[in-house]
C-alpha atoms as a PDB file:
ATOM      1  CA  UNK A   1     168.572  92.174 123.145  1.00  0.00           C
ATOM      2  CA  UNK A   2     167.547  89.952 120.493  1.00  0.00           C
ATOM      3  CA  UNK A   3     167.387  85.909 120.770  1.00  0.00           C
ATOM      4  CA  UNK A   4     169.949  84.108 119.664  1.00  0.00           C
ATOM      5  CA  UNK A   5     169.822  82.032 116.377  1.00  0.00           C
ATOM      6  CA  UNK A   6     170.272  78.699 116.566  1.00  0.00           C
ATOM      7  CA  UNK A   7     172.446  76.971 113.653  1.00  0.00           C
ATOM      8  CA  UNK A   8     170.420  76.142 110.745  1.00  0.00           C
ATOM      9  CA  UNK A   9     167.506  78.381 111.811  1.00  0.00           C
ATOM     10  CA  UNK A  10     168.324  80.760 108.784  1.00  0.00           C
ATOM     11  CA  UNK A  11     168.050  77.848 106.456  1.00  0.00           C
ATOM     12  CA  UNK A  12     165.091  76.612 107.504  1.00  0.00           C
ATOM     13  CA  UNK A  13     163.507  80.562 107.196  1.00  0.00           C
ATOM     14  CA  UNK A  14     164.780  80.293 103.680  1.00  0.00           C
ATOM     15  CA  UNK A  15     164.606  77.258 102.458  1.00  0.00           C
ATOM     16  CA  UNK A  16     162.032  75.749 104.464  1.00  0.00           C
ATOM     17  CA  UNK A  17     162.264  73.073 107.122  1.00  0.00           C
ATOM     18  CA  UNK A  18     162.474  69.864 104.772  1.00  0.00           C
ATOM     19  CA  UNK A  19     165.210  71.139 102.250  1.00  0.00           C
ATOM     20  CA  UNK A  20     167.188  72.116 105.758  1.00  0.00           C
ATOM     21  CA  UNK A  21     166.930  68.777 106.936  1.00  0.00           C
ATOM     22  CA  UNK A  22     166.790  66.713 104.018  1.00  0.00           C
ATOM     23  CA  UNK A  23     169.936  64.627 104.489  1.00  0.00           C
ATOM     24  CA  UNK A  24     169.348  64.276 108.274  1.00  0.00           C
ATOM     25  CA  UNK A  25     166.229  62.689 107.902  1.00  0.00           C
ATOM     26  CA  UNK A  26     167.920  60.406 105.020  1.00  0.00           C
ATOM     27  CA  UNK A  27     170.341  59.644 107.436  1.00  0.00           C
ATOM     28  CA  UNK A  28     168.040  58.888 110.520  1.00  0.00           C
ATOM     29  CA  UNK A  29     166.067  56.591 107.765  1.00  0.00           C
ATOM     30  CA  UNK A  30     169.239  54.566 107.271  1.00  0.00           C
ATOM     31  CA  UNK A  31     170.430  54.114 110.666  1.00  0.00           C
ATOM     32  CA  UNK A  32     167.048  53.160 112.027  1.00  0.00           C
ATOM     33  CA  UNK A  33     166.710  51.148 109.090  1.00  0.00           C
ATOM     34  CA  UNK A  34     169.882  49.061 109.282  1.00  0.00           C
ATOM     35  CA  UNK A  35     169.022  48.607 113.222  1.00  0.00           C
ATOM     36  CA  UNK A  36     165.938  47.582 112.249  1.00  0.00           C
ATOM     37  CA  UNK A  37     167.175  44.934 110.232  1.00  0.00           C
ATOM     38  CA  UNK A  38     169.175  43.423 112.721  1.00  0.00           C
ATOM     39  CA  UNK A  39     166.200  43.150 114.982  1.00  0.00           C
ATOM     40  CA  UNK A  40     163.613  41.972 113.062  1.00  0.00           C
ATOM     41  CA  UNK A  41     165.400  38.369 113.286  1.00  0.00           C
ATOM     42  CA  UNK A  42     165.462  37.740 116.892  1.00  0.00           C
ATOM     43  CA  UNK A  43     162.306  39.769 117.816  1.00  0.00           C
ATOM     44  CA  UNK A  44     159.874  38.632 114.713  1.00  0.00           C
ATOM     45  CA  UNK A  45     161.722  36.038 113.354  1.00  0.00           C
ATOM     46  CA  UNK A  46     162.663  37.997 109.996  1.00  0.00           C
ATOM     47  CA  UNK A  47     165.968  37.274 109.196  1.00  0.00           C
ATOM     48  CA  UNK A  48     167.290  40.192 107.034  1.00  0.00           C
ATOM     49  CA  UNK A  49     170.571  40.408 108.492  1.00  0.00           C
ATOM     50  CA  UNK A  50     172.067  37.722 111.314  1.00  0.00           C
ATOM     51  CA  UNK A  51     174.958  39.141 113.461  1.00  0.00           C
ATOM     52  CA  UNK A  52     175.915  42.424 114.593  1.00  0.00           C
ATOM     53  CA  UNK A  53     177.445  45.283 112.737  1.00  0.00           C
ATOM     54  CA  UNK A  54     181.373  43.548 113.837  1.00  0.00           C
ATOM     55  CA  UNK A  55     180.304  40.481 111.544  1.00  0.00           C
ATOM     56  CA  UNK A  56     176.754  39.465 109.663  1.00  0.00           C
ATOM     57  CA  UNK A  57     175.225  37.751 106.907  1.00  0.00           C
ATOM     58  CA  UNK A  58     172.853  39.836 104.794  1.00  0.00           C
ATOM     59  CA  UNK A  59     170.144  38.491 102.882  1.00  0.00           C
ATOM     60  CA  UNK A  60     171.447  34.680 103.760  1.00  0.00           C
ATOM     61  CA  UNK A  61     174.375  35.038 101.111  1.00  0.00           C
ATOM     62  CA  UNK A  62     176.243  38.076 101.542  1.00  0.00           C
ATOM     63  CA  UNK A  63     179.048  38.072 104.248  1.00  0.00           C
ATOM     64  CA  UNK A  64     179.970  41.801 105.980  1.00  0.00           C
ATOM     65  CA  UNK A  65     182.579  42.012 108.152  1.00  0.00           C
ATOM     66  CA  UNK A  66     184.081  44.907 109.966  1.00  0.00           C
ATOM     67  CA  UNK A  67     188.071  45.327 109.133  1.00  0.00           C
ATOM     68  CA  UNK A  68     188.891  46.371 112.632  1.00  0.00           C
ATOM     69  CA  UNK A  69     187.236  42.956 113.481  1.00  0.00           C
ATOM     70  CA  UNK A  70     189.681  41.107 111.163  1.00  0.00           C
ATOM     71  CA  UNK A  71     192.701  43.295 111.640  1.00  0.00           C
ATOM     72  CA  UNK A  72     192.067  41.941 115.626  1.00  0.00           C
ATOM     73  CA  UNK A  73     191.650  38.059 114.656  1.00  0.00           C
ATOM     74  CA  UNK A  74     194.734  38.585 112.736  1.00  0.00           C
ATOM     75  CA  UNK A  75     196.347  40.185 115.415  1.00  0.00           C
ATOM     76  CA  UNK A  76     195.749  37.742 117.830  1.00  0.00           C
ATOM     77  CA  UNK A  77     197.247  35.120 115.383  1.00  0.00           C
ATOM     78  CA  UNK A  78     193.894  33.635 113.911  1.00  0.00           C
ATOM     79  CA  UNK A  79     192.916  33.386 110.217  1.00  0.00           C
ATOM     80  CA  UNK A  80     189.270  34.166 109.837  1.00  0.00           C
ATOM     81  CA  UNK A  81     187.350  31.677 107.502  1.00  0.00           C
ATOM     82  CA  UNK A  82     187.059  32.686 103.841  1.00  0.00           C
ATOM     83  CA  UNK A  83     183.679  33.900 104.256  1.00  0.00           C
ATOM     84  CA  UNK A  84     184.662  36.597 106.512  1.00  0.00           C
ATOM     85  CA  UNK A  85     187.812  37.750 104.672  1.00  0.00           C
ATOM     86  CA  UNK A  86     184.920  38.157 101.875  1.00  0.00           C
ATOM     87  CA  UNK A  87     182.858  40.058 104.128  1.00  0.00           C
ATOM     88  CA  UNK A  88     185.798  42.435 104.940  1.00  0.00           C
ATOM     89  CA  UNK A  89     186.253  42.822 101.427  1.00  0.00           C
ATOM     90  CA  UNK A  90     183.029  43.931 100.800  1.00  0.00           C
ATOM     91  CA  UNK A  91     182.995  46.165 103.542  1.00  0.00           C
ATOM     92  CA  UNK A  92     186.702  47.738 102.196  1.00  0.00           C
ATOM     93  CA  UNK A  93     185.221  48.129  98.734  1.00  0.00           C
ATOM     94  CA  UNK A  94     182.216  50.078  99.532  1.00  0.00           C
ATOM     95  CA  UNK A  95     183.688  52.588 101.918  1.00  0.00           C
ATOM     96  CA  UNK A  96     186.542  53.053 100.036  1.00  0.00           C
ATOM     97  CA  UNK A  97     184.258  54.523  97.325  1.00  0.00           C
ATOM     98  CA  UNK A  98     181.616  56.389  99.446  1.00  0.00           C
ATOM     99  CA  UNK A  99     184.020  57.479 102.122  1.00  0.00           C
ATOM    100  CA  UNK A 100     185.151  55.571 105.423  1.00  0.00           C
ATOM    101  CA  UNK A 101     183.405  58.042 107.916  1.00  0.00           C
ATOM    102  CA  UNK A 102     179.982  57.396 106.017  1.00  0.00           C
ATOM    103  CA  UNK A 103     180.024  54.516 108.370  1.00  0.00           C
ATOM    104  CA  UNK A 104     179.809  56.909 111.514  1.00  0.00           C
ATOM    105  CA  UNK A 105     177.147  59.090 109.912  1.00  0.00           C
ATOM    106  CA  UNK A 106     174.826  56.721 107.997  1.00  0.00           C
ATOM    107  CA  UNK A 107     175.194  53.120 109.705  1.00  0.00           C
ATOM    108  CA  UNK A 108     176.207  53.344 113.479  1.00  0.00           C
ATOM    109  CA  UNK A 109     173.576  53.700 115.804  1.00  0.00           C
ATOM    110  CA  UNK A 110     175.925  55.129 118.617  1.00  0.00           C
ATOM    111  CA  UNK A 111     175.634  58.189 116.027  1.00  0.00           C
ATOM    112  CA  UNK A 112     171.684  58.626 117.021  1.00  0.00           C
ATOM    113  CA  UNK A 113     172.934  58.997 120.579  1.00  0.00           C
ATOM    114  CA  UNK A 114     175.610  61.492 120.362  1.00  0.00           C
ATOM    115  CA  UNK A 115     173.976  63.644 118.023  1.00  0.00           C
ATOM    116  CA  UNK A 116     171.220  63.987 120.483  1.00  0.00           C
ATOM    117  CA  UNK A 117     173.681  64.877 123.223  1.00  0.00           C
ATOM    118  CA  UNK A 118     175.351  67.366 120.729  1.00  0.00           C
ATOM    119  CA  UNK A 119     171.711  69.066 120.376  1.00  0.00           C
ATOM    120  CA  UNK A 120     171.327  68.994 124.276  1.00  0.00           C
ATOM    121  CA  UNK A 121     174.981  70.479 124.429  1.00  0.00           C
ATOM    122  CA  UNK A 122     174.278  73.112 122.172  1.00  0.00           C
ATOM    123  CA  UNK A 123     170.934  74.108 123.849  1.00  0.00           C
ATOM    124  CA  UNK A 124     171.881  74.440 127.270  1.00  0.00           C
ATOM    125  CA  UNK A 125     174.944  76.068 125.879  1.00  0.00           C
ATOM    126  CA  UNK A 126     177.248  74.129 128.024  1.00  0.00           C
ATOM    127  CA  UNK A 127     181.069  74.663 127.663  1.00  0.00           C
ATOM    128  CA  UNK A 128     183.318  72.019 128.524  1.00  0.00           C
ATOM    129  CA  UNK A 129     186.249  72.549 129.875  1.00  0.00           C
ATOM    130  CA  UNK A 130     187.913  68.856 128.775  1.00  0.00           C
ATOM    131  CA  UNK A 131     190.602  69.526 125.969  1.00  0.00           C
ATOM    132  CA  UNK A 132     191.346  65.996 124.090  1.00  0.00           C
ATOM    133  CA  UNK A 133     193.199  65.778 120.832  1.00  0.00           C
ATOM    134  CA  UNK A 134     191.424  64.302 117.853  1.00  0.00           C
ATOM    135  CA  UNK A 135     194.482  62.137 117.406  1.00  0.00           C
ATOM    136  CA  UNK A 136     193.635  60.091 120.670  1.00  0.00           C
ATOM    137  CA  UNK A 137     191.310  57.920 118.577  1.00  0.00           C
ATOM    138  CA  UNK A 138     194.002  56.541 116.535  1.00  0.00           C
ATOM    139  CA  UNK A 139     196.309  56.022 119.795  1.00  0.00           C
ATOM    140  CA  UNK A 140     193.517  53.856 121.037  1.00  0.00           C
ATOM    141  CA  UNK A 141     192.868  52.063 117.649  1.00  0.00           C
ATOM    142  CA  UNK A 142     196.800  50.966 117.874  1.00  0.00           C
ATOM    143  CA  UNK A 143     196.002  50.032 121.435  1.00  0.00           C
ATOM    144  CA  UNK A 144     193.287  47.571 120.613  1.00  0.00           C
ATOM    145  CA  UNK A 145     195.467  45.868 117.768  1.00  0.00           C
ATOM    146  CA  UNK A 146     198.398  45.389 120.277  1.00  0.00           C
ATOM    147  CA  UNK A 147     196.007  44.303 123.116  1.00  0.00           C
ATOM    148  CA  UNK A 148     194.720  41.751 120.439  1.00  0.00           C
ATOM    149  CA  UNK A 149     198.397  40.278 119.656  1.00  0.00           C
ATOM    150  CA  UNK A 150     198.998  40.368 123.612  1.00  0.00           C
ATOM    151  CA  UNK A 151     195.768  38.598 124.759  1.00  0.00           C
ATOM    152  CA  UNK A 152     195.179  36.402 121.402  1.00  0.00           C
ATOM    153  CA  UNK A 153     191.765  37.660 121.548  1.00  0.00           C
ATOM    154  CA  UNK A 154     189.447  40.128 119.629  1.00  0.00           C
ATOM    155  CA  UNK A 155     189.526  42.383 122.778  1.00  0.00           C
ATOM    156  CA  UNK A 156     187.483  45.437 121.080  1.00  0.00           C
ATOM    157  CA  UNK A 157     184.171  43.425 121.294  1.00  0.00           C
ATOM    158  CA  UNK A 158     184.382  43.343 124.922  1.00  0.00           C
ATOM    159  CA  UNK A 159     183.768  46.970 124.785  1.00  0.00           C
ATOM    160  CA  UNK A 160     182.224  48.095 121.323  1.00  0.00           C
ATOM    161  CA  UNK A 161     179.313  50.019 122.398  1.00  0.00           C
ATOM    162  CA  UNK A 162     177.623  49.037 119.235  1.00  0.00           C
ATOM    163  CA  UNK A 163     177.595  45.426 119.575  1.00  0.00           C
ATOM    164  CA  UNK A 164     176.679  45.938 123.458  1.00  0.00           C
ATOM    165  CA  UNK A 165     173.758  48.368 122.423  1.00  0.00           C
ATOM    166  CA  UNK A 166     172.770  46.057 119.970  1.00  0.00           C
ATOM    167  CA  UNK A 167     172.424  43.206 122.713  1.00  0.00           C
ATOM    168  CA  UNK A 168     170.460  45.472 125.175  1.00  0.00           C
ATOM    169  CA  UNK A 169     167.687  46.185 122.637  1.00  0.00           C
ATOM    170  CA  UNK A 170     167.269  42.314 122.841  1.00  0.00           C
ATOM    171  CA  UNK A 171     167.813  41.753 126.216  1.00  0.00           C
ATOM    172  CA  UNK A 172     166.848  44.713 127.762  1.00  0.00           C
ATOM    173  CA  UNK A 173     169.633  45.021 130.030  1.00  0.00           C
ATOM    174  CA  UNK A 174     173.374  44.712 130.371  1.00  0.00           C
ATOM    175  CA  UNK A 175     176.381  46.855 130.622  1.00  0.00           C
ATOM    176  CA  UNK A 176     175.782  48.375 127.273  1.00  0.00           C
ATOM    177  CA  UNK A 177     173.185  50.834 128.645  1.00  0.00           C
ATOM    178  CA  UNK A 178     175.688  52.019 131.070  1.00  0.00           C
ATOM    179  CA  UNK A 179     178.341  52.518 128.645  1.00  0.00           C
ATOM    180  CA  UNK A 180     175.738  54.312 126.338  1.00  0.00           C
ATOM    181  CA  UNK A 181     174.738  56.644 129.132  1.00  0.00           C
ATOM    182  CA  UNK A 182     178.565  57.383 129.981  1.00  0.00           C
ATOM    183  CA  UNK A 183     178.819  58.369 126.131  1.00  0.00           C
ATOM    184  CA  UNK A 184     175.781  60.378 126.275  1.00  0.00           C
ATOM    185  CA  UNK A 185     177.000  62.271 129.392  1.00  0.00           C
ATOM    186  CA  UNK A 186     180.099  62.677 127.782  1.00  0.00           C
ATOM    187  CA  UNK A 187     179.325  64.416 124.676  1.00  0.00           C
ATOM    188  CA  UNK A 188     176.335  66.287 126.336  1.00  0.00           C
ATOM    189  CA  UNK A 189     177.890  68.001 129.471  1.00  0.00           C
ATOM    190  CA  UNK A 190     181.600  67.236 129.148  1.00  0.00           C
ATOM    191  CA  UNK A 191     183.088  67.493 125.213  1.00  0.00           C
ATOM    192  CA  UNK A 192     181.020  68.246 122.447  1.00  0.00           C
ATOM    193  CA  UNK A 193     181.633  65.579 119.817  1.00  0.00           C
ATOM    194  CA  UNK A 194     184.025  63.614 122.665  1.00  0.00           C
ATOM    195  CA  UNK A 195     183.334  60.108 121.595  1.00  0.00           C
ATOM    196  CA  UNK A 196     182.644  60.138 117.856  1.00  0.00           C
ATOM    197  CA  UNK A 197     185.373  63.020 117.267  1.00  0.00           C
ATOM    198  CA  UNK A 198     188.162  62.251 119.686  1.00  0.00           C
ATOM    199  CA  UNK A 199     187.704  58.766 121.195  1.00  0.00           C
ATOM    200  CA  UNK A 200     185.980  55.796 119.011  1.00  0.00           C
ATOM    201  CA  UNK A 201     188.814  53.754 117.488  1.00  0.00           C
ATOM    202  CA  UNK A 202     185.897  52.410 115.231  1.00  0.00           C
ATOM    203  CA  UNK A 203     185.659  55.620 113.544  1.00  0.00           C
ATOM    204  CA  UNK A 204     189.051  55.941 113.490  1.00  0.00           C
ATOM    205  CA  UNK A 205     189.587  52.496 111.689  1.00  0.00           C
ATOM    206  CA  UNK A 206     187.122  53.656 109.034  1.00  0.00           C
ATOM    207  CA  UNK A 207     188.617  57.055 108.537  1.00  0.00           C
ATOM    208  CA  UNK A 208     191.614  55.624 106.796  1.00  0.00           C
ATOM    209  CA  UNK A 209     189.492  54.248 104.119  1.00  0.00           C
ATOM    210  CA  UNK A 210     188.673  57.727 103.324  1.00  0.00           C
ATOM    211  CA  UNK A 211     191.977  58.940 101.786  1.00  0.00           C
ATOM    212  CA  UNK A 212     190.885  58.073  98.326  1.00  0.00           C
ATOM    213  CA  UNK A 213     187.028  58.134  98.598  1.00  0.00           C
ATOM    214  CA  UNK A 214     185.513  59.229  95.520  1.00  0.00           C
ATOM    215  CA  UNK A 215     182.402  60.695  97.268  1.00  0.00           C
ATOM    216  CA  UNK A 216     183.401  64.110  98.678  1.00  0.00           C
ATOM    217  CA  UNK A 217     181.424  67.358  99.910  1.00  0.00           C
ATOM    218  CA  UNK A 218     182.109  70.137  97.569  1.00  0.00           C
ATOM    219  CA  UNK A 219     181.628  73.901  98.361  1.00  0.00           C
ATOM    220  CA  UNK A 220     180.776  74.287  95.012  1.00  0.00           C
ATOM    221  CA  UNK A 221     179.290  78.149  95.482  1.00  0.00           C
ATOM    222  CA  UNK A 222     181.785  79.094  98.055  1.00  0.00           C
ATOM    223  CA  UNK A 223     181.736  82.965  96.602  1.00  0.00           C
ATOM    224  CA  UNK A 224     178.191  82.766  98.070  1.00  0.00           C
ATOM    225  CA  UNK A 225     179.282  82.359 101.754  1.00  0.00           C
ATOM    226  CA  UNK A 226     178.474  85.088 104.216  1.00  0.00           C
ATOM    227  CA  UNK A 227     180.745  83.614 107.117  1.00  0.00           C
ATOM    228  CA  UNK A 228     177.533  82.602 109.118  1.00  0.00           C
ATOM    229  CA  UNK A 229     179.562  79.506 110.710  1.00  0.00           C
ATOM    230  CA  UNK A 230     176.143  77.543 110.957  1.00  0.00           C
ATOM    231  CA  UNK A 231     178.376  75.170 109.096  1.00  0.00           C
ATOM    232  CA  UNK A 232     181.087  74.783 111.420  1.00  0.00           C
ATOM    233  CA  UNK A 233     178.683  74.543 114.214  1.00  0.00           C
ATOM    234  CA  UNK A 234     176.939  71.613 113.181  1.00  0.00           C
ATOM    235  CA  UNK A 235     179.487  69.485 111.837  1.00  0.00           C
ATOM    236  CA  UNK A 236     180.930  66.525 113.944  1.00  0.00           C
ATOM    237  CA  UNK A 237     184.473  67.235 112.169  1.00  0.00           C
ATOM    238  CA  UNK A 238     184.436  71.169 111.788  1.00  0.00           C
ATOM    239  CA  UNK A 239     188.462  71.360 110.944  1.00  0.00           C
ATOM    240  CA  UNK A 240     187.589  69.649 107.636  1.00  0.00           C
ATOM    241  CA  UNK A 241     185.679  72.529 106.492  1.00  0.00           C
ATOM    242  CA  UNK A 242     187.918  75.290 106.443  1.00  0.00           C
ATOM    243  CA  UNK A 243     190.074  74.197 103.898  1.00  0.00           C
ATOM    244  CA  UNK A 244     187.141  74.209 100.892  1.00  0.00           C
ATOM    245  CA  UNK A 245     186.255  77.763 102.141  1.00  0.00           C
ATOM    246  CA  UNK A 246     189.349  79.277 102.742  1.00  0.00           C
ATOM    247  CA  UNK A 247     191.967  77.315 100.332  1.00  0.00           C
ATOM    248  CA  UNK A 248     192.882  76.689  96.938  1.00  0.00           C
ATOM    249  CA  UNK A 249     190.562  73.701  96.487  1.00  0.00           C
ATOM    250  CA  UNK A 250     186.806  73.680  96.842  1.00  0.00           C
ATOM    251  CA  UNK A 251     186.290  69.903  97.766  1.00  0.00           C
ATOM    252  CA  UNK A 252     186.643  68.650 101.583  1.00  0.00           C
ATOM    253  CA  UNK A 253     189.442  66.011 101.009  1.00  0.00           C
ATOM    254  CA  UNK A 254     189.781  65.037 104.436  1.00  0.00           C
ATOM    255  CA  UNK A 255     189.497  61.783 105.335  1.00  0.00           C
ATOM    256  CA  UNK A 256     187.749  62.528 108.335  1.00  0.00           C
ATOM    257  CA  UNK A 257     184.569  64.096 106.861  1.00  0.00           C
ATOM    258  CA  UNK A 258     181.801  62.042 107.431  1.00  0.00           C
ATOM    259  CA  UNK A 259     179.575  62.882 104.346  1.00  0.00           C
ATOM    260  CA  UNK A 260     176.953  63.322 106.871  1.00  0.00           C
ATOM    261  CA  UNK A 261     175.142  66.139 104.598  1.00  0.00           C
ATOM    262  CA  UNK A 262     174.705  68.804 107.444  1.00  0.00           C
ATOM    263  CA  UNK A 263     176.545  71.439 106.290  1.00  0.00           C
ATOM    264  CA  UNK A 264     174.374  71.046 102.664  1.00  0.00           C
ATOM    265  CA  UNK A 265     171.014  71.197 105.122  1.00  0.00           C
ATOM    266  CA  UNK A 266     172.128  73.940 107.220  1.00  0.00           C
ATOM    267  CA  UNK A 267     173.822  76.415 104.630  1.00  0.00           C
ATOM    268  CA  UNK A 268     170.947  79.034 103.809  1.00  0.00           C
ATOM    269  CA  UNK A 269     173.268  80.367 101.041  1.00  0.00           C
ATOM    270  CA  UNK A 270     173.523  76.710  99.870  1.00  0.00           C
ATOM    271  CA  UNK A 271     177.406  76.788  99.229  1.00  0.00           C
ATOM    272  CA  UNK A 272     177.620  73.015  99.884  1.00  0.00           C
ATOM    273  CA  UNK A 273     176.978  70.139  97.527  1.00  0.00           C
ATOM    274  CA  UNK A 274     177.769  66.272  97.029  1.00  0.00           C
ATOM    275  CA  UNK A 275     180.109  65.929  94.195  1.00  0.00           C
ATOM    276  CA  UNK A 276     182.772  63.715  93.563  1.00  0.00           C
ATOM    277  CA  UNK A 277     186.712  63.969  94.310  1.00  0.00           C
ATOM    278  CA  UNK A 278     187.892  66.405  91.213  1.00  0.00           C
END
C-alpha cells in the first residue's frame, strides 16, 4: 500500500520547498518580529512598541488600539482618551483595506500555537468528535460586549490569551500558560482549528472588517485545478475556498478568509494568487 501524501507534498516536489512555503515563512517572520518588538522594551530596554496588542504605542508616537477593546470600553460607559480613539481608527483603516482576519494570520502570536497543534493533529490523524458551529465565536463576541456593559469593565482582558501569553513570556509564569496549553490541547486533540475557527472573539471582531477588504485571494487559474484538496486541508477556514473553485466568481470574498497564503503555497498547479477585489 502506498504511503499517504501529506498536504503540500506535491507542491514541494513540483515547485521546491521554498516556493511551497513562501507565505508561511513570511507570516512567521511577521508574527515573531511583531512579538519581538513588544518584548525588546522590557527585556532589552529598546522600546519600539510599548503596551500589548490590545493597546500600544509604536515608535514613540503612533497609537494602536484593538477595536474590541474600545467597543468594550464604550459598552462599559467609559469614553476612551483621544489617543486611544485615534489608535482604533488607525487599526480600523489598515484592516478594512487589507482584510480584518489578516490580524489572525500575520500578527496574533496564538496563531503560532494553533498552527503547531493543527500540524500535530494532521500528523497523528486525530479525528475529534466535537462539533461546534463557526458562528459560536460571534455569539461569544456579543456576550463580551454585553458583559462589559453589565460589569462596567473591559472584561475580555481578564481572559485574553494573547495578553496573558505576552505577560507569561516576560514573567515566565501565570495563568496565561495554562490557557495556552488548553488552546493547544483543544486544537491538537479535540477540534482542528477549534480556537481560531470556532471560538476566538477577537478573530470574530476582526472578521467584521473583512467585508469590504481590497486584498483578496483569487483562484486566477482555477481551470488548472485537479481536485487534490490540499488547499482545503491546510485552510483554517476551508469553507471560504469552495465558492472560488466552484462558483461564478474566482475571488474569495468571504470576510472569514485570513489571507494567510497557505492555499497559494500548497497548490502544485498554482491556482491561487493574491489579488484585489474585482
